[in-house]
Protein backbone atom coordinates (compact mmCIF):
# COMPACT_ATOMS: atom_id res chain seq x y z
CA ALA A 1 47.17 47.65 158.51
CA VAL A 2 50.89 47.26 159.05
CA GLU A 3 52.32 49.37 161.84
CA PRO A 4 55.75 50.84 161.11
CA ASP A 5 58.73 49.26 162.80
CA VAL A 6 60.64 52.20 164.24
CA SER A 7 63.91 50.34 163.67
CA GLN A 8 63.19 50.52 159.95
CA ARG A 9 63.49 54.21 159.14
CA GLN A 10 65.21 55.48 156.06
CA TYR A 11 65.88 58.84 154.50
CA VAL A 12 64.89 58.96 150.84
CA TRP A 13 65.68 61.50 148.13
CA GLU A 14 62.97 64.15 147.88
CA ASP A 15 62.54 63.71 144.11
CA ARG A 16 61.11 60.20 144.71
CA LEU A 17 58.16 61.37 146.85
CA GLU A 18 55.50 62.20 144.25
CA ASP A 19 56.19 59.09 142.15
CA ILE A 20 55.75 56.90 145.23
CA ARG A 21 52.55 58.71 146.25
CA ALA A 22 51.17 58.36 142.69
CA ASP A 23 52.03 54.63 142.57
CA ARG A 24 54.53 55.13 139.73
CA ARG A 25 57.27 53.55 141.86
CA ARG A 26 56.77 50.19 143.54
CA ALA A 27 60.39 49.19 144.03
CA ARG A 28 63.72 50.68 145.02
CA SER A 29 67.10 49.56 143.79
CA ALA A 30 70.10 50.35 145.96
CA SER A 31 72.51 49.00 148.49
CA THR A 32 71.50 51.03 151.56
CA ILE A 33 67.85 50.14 152.05
CA PRO A 34 66.00 48.18 154.74
CA ARG A 35 66.57 44.49 154.19
CA ARG A 36 63.58 42.89 155.83
CA GLN A 37 59.90 42.75 155.11
CA GLY A 38 57.42 44.76 157.15
CA GLY A 39 56.56 48.37 157.88
CA VAL A 40 59.09 51.11 157.18
CA SER A 41 59.05 54.87 157.71
CA TRP A 42 60.55 56.69 154.73
CA VAL A 43 61.56 60.26 155.54
CA PHE A 44 61.87 62.93 152.84
CA ASP A 45 63.70 66.13 153.80
CA HIS A 46 62.62 69.22 151.85
CA ASP A 47 65.63 71.53 151.95
CA ALA A 48 63.85 74.42 150.20
CA ASP A 49 61.32 74.98 152.99
CA ALA A 50 62.89 72.99 155.86
CA THR A 51 59.93 70.60 156.14
CA VAL A 52 59.89 66.81 156.35
CA THR A 53 57.41 64.33 154.88
CA THR A 54 57.13 60.81 156.26
CA LEU A 55 55.54 57.97 154.28
CA LEU A 56 54.70 54.58 155.70
CA VAL A 57 55.36 51.70 153.34
CA GLU A 58 55.25 47.95 153.66
CA VAL A 59 58.26 46.13 152.26
CA THR A 60 56.70 43.12 150.54
CA GLU A 61 59.81 41.50 149.05
CA VAL A 62 63.57 41.89 149.17
CA VAL A 63 65.62 40.50 146.28
CA GLU A 64 69.29 40.60 147.28
CA GLY A 65 72.37 40.53 145.10
CA VAL A 66 70.84 41.28 141.70
CA GLY A 67 73.59 41.52 139.10
CA GLU A 68 71.52 42.74 136.16
CA PRO A 69 68.16 44.36 136.91
CA THR A 70 65.49 43.45 134.37
CA GLU A 71 63.41 45.91 132.40
CA GLU A 72 60.52 45.09 134.76
CA ASP A 73 62.73 45.88 137.79
CA ALA A 74 63.52 49.24 136.18
CA ARG A 75 59.84 50.02 135.46
CA ARG A 76 58.84 49.22 139.05
CA ASP A 77 61.55 51.64 140.18
CA GLY A 78 60.15 54.40 137.95
CA PHE A 79 62.54 54.10 134.98
CA ALA A 80 61.76 53.37 131.34
CA THR A 81 64.73 51.01 130.91
CA SER A 82 67.34 49.14 132.92
CA ALA A 83 69.95 51.45 131.37
CA GLY A 84 68.08 54.42 132.89
CA LEU A 85 68.06 52.70 136.27
CA HIS A 86 71.79 52.03 136.04
CA HIS A 87 72.44 55.67 135.09
CA ALA A 88 70.46 56.82 138.16
CA LEU A 89 72.42 54.43 140.39
CA GLN A 90 75.68 55.84 138.98
CA THR A 91 74.48 59.34 139.82
CA HIS A 92 73.45 58.36 143.35
CA TYR A 93 76.46 56.12 144.00
CA PRO A 94 79.44 57.65 142.13
CA GLY A 95 81.89 54.97 141.03
CA ILE A 96 79.38 52.11 141.04
CA GLU A 97 80.20 49.65 138.29
CA GLU A 98 77.75 47.85 136.04
CA ALA A 99 78.76 44.53 137.60
CA THR A 100 77.93 45.76 141.14
CA LYS A 101 75.14 43.70 142.66
CA ILE A 102 72.22 45.65 144.07
CA ASP A 103 69.23 44.84 146.22
CA ILE A 104 65.71 45.42 144.98
CA VAL A 105 63.06 46.20 147.58
CA ARG A 106 59.44 45.93 146.50
CA PHE A 107 56.90 47.81 148.55
CA ARG A 108 53.38 49.12 148.78
CA LEU A 109 52.35 52.49 150.15
CA ILE A 110 50.46 52.30 153.45
CA ASP A 111 50.07 56.01 154.26
CA GLY A 112 50.59 58.88 151.78
CA GLY A 113 52.41 60.98 154.30
CA ARG A 114 52.29 63.98 156.45
CA SER A 115 54.47 67.04 156.15
CA ARG A 116 55.73 68.97 159.12
């Protein structure tokens, strides 16, 4: 098993948690994600009840500077189409343009998480 590297900790939107646990998401597309392979702690804050869930994932591949995500990239990130992925990126990163290059991080779930 891969042990998490404490230096790789990232806060992730709460709405992504169940899709990652259910293996419906196997990639993330963004510009503020860990950039190296290995173990990562992803932290999900639950504002409604002030709890936190931490998942351990292994980053298996980092594809940097992608100009146009493919349909497969979008599906791995939990979207039906690349247009849906781009719309979500625009929501998360207001002002992002279609030509903005993104990084795609592929991962596998190591530990389904604990809430505290």
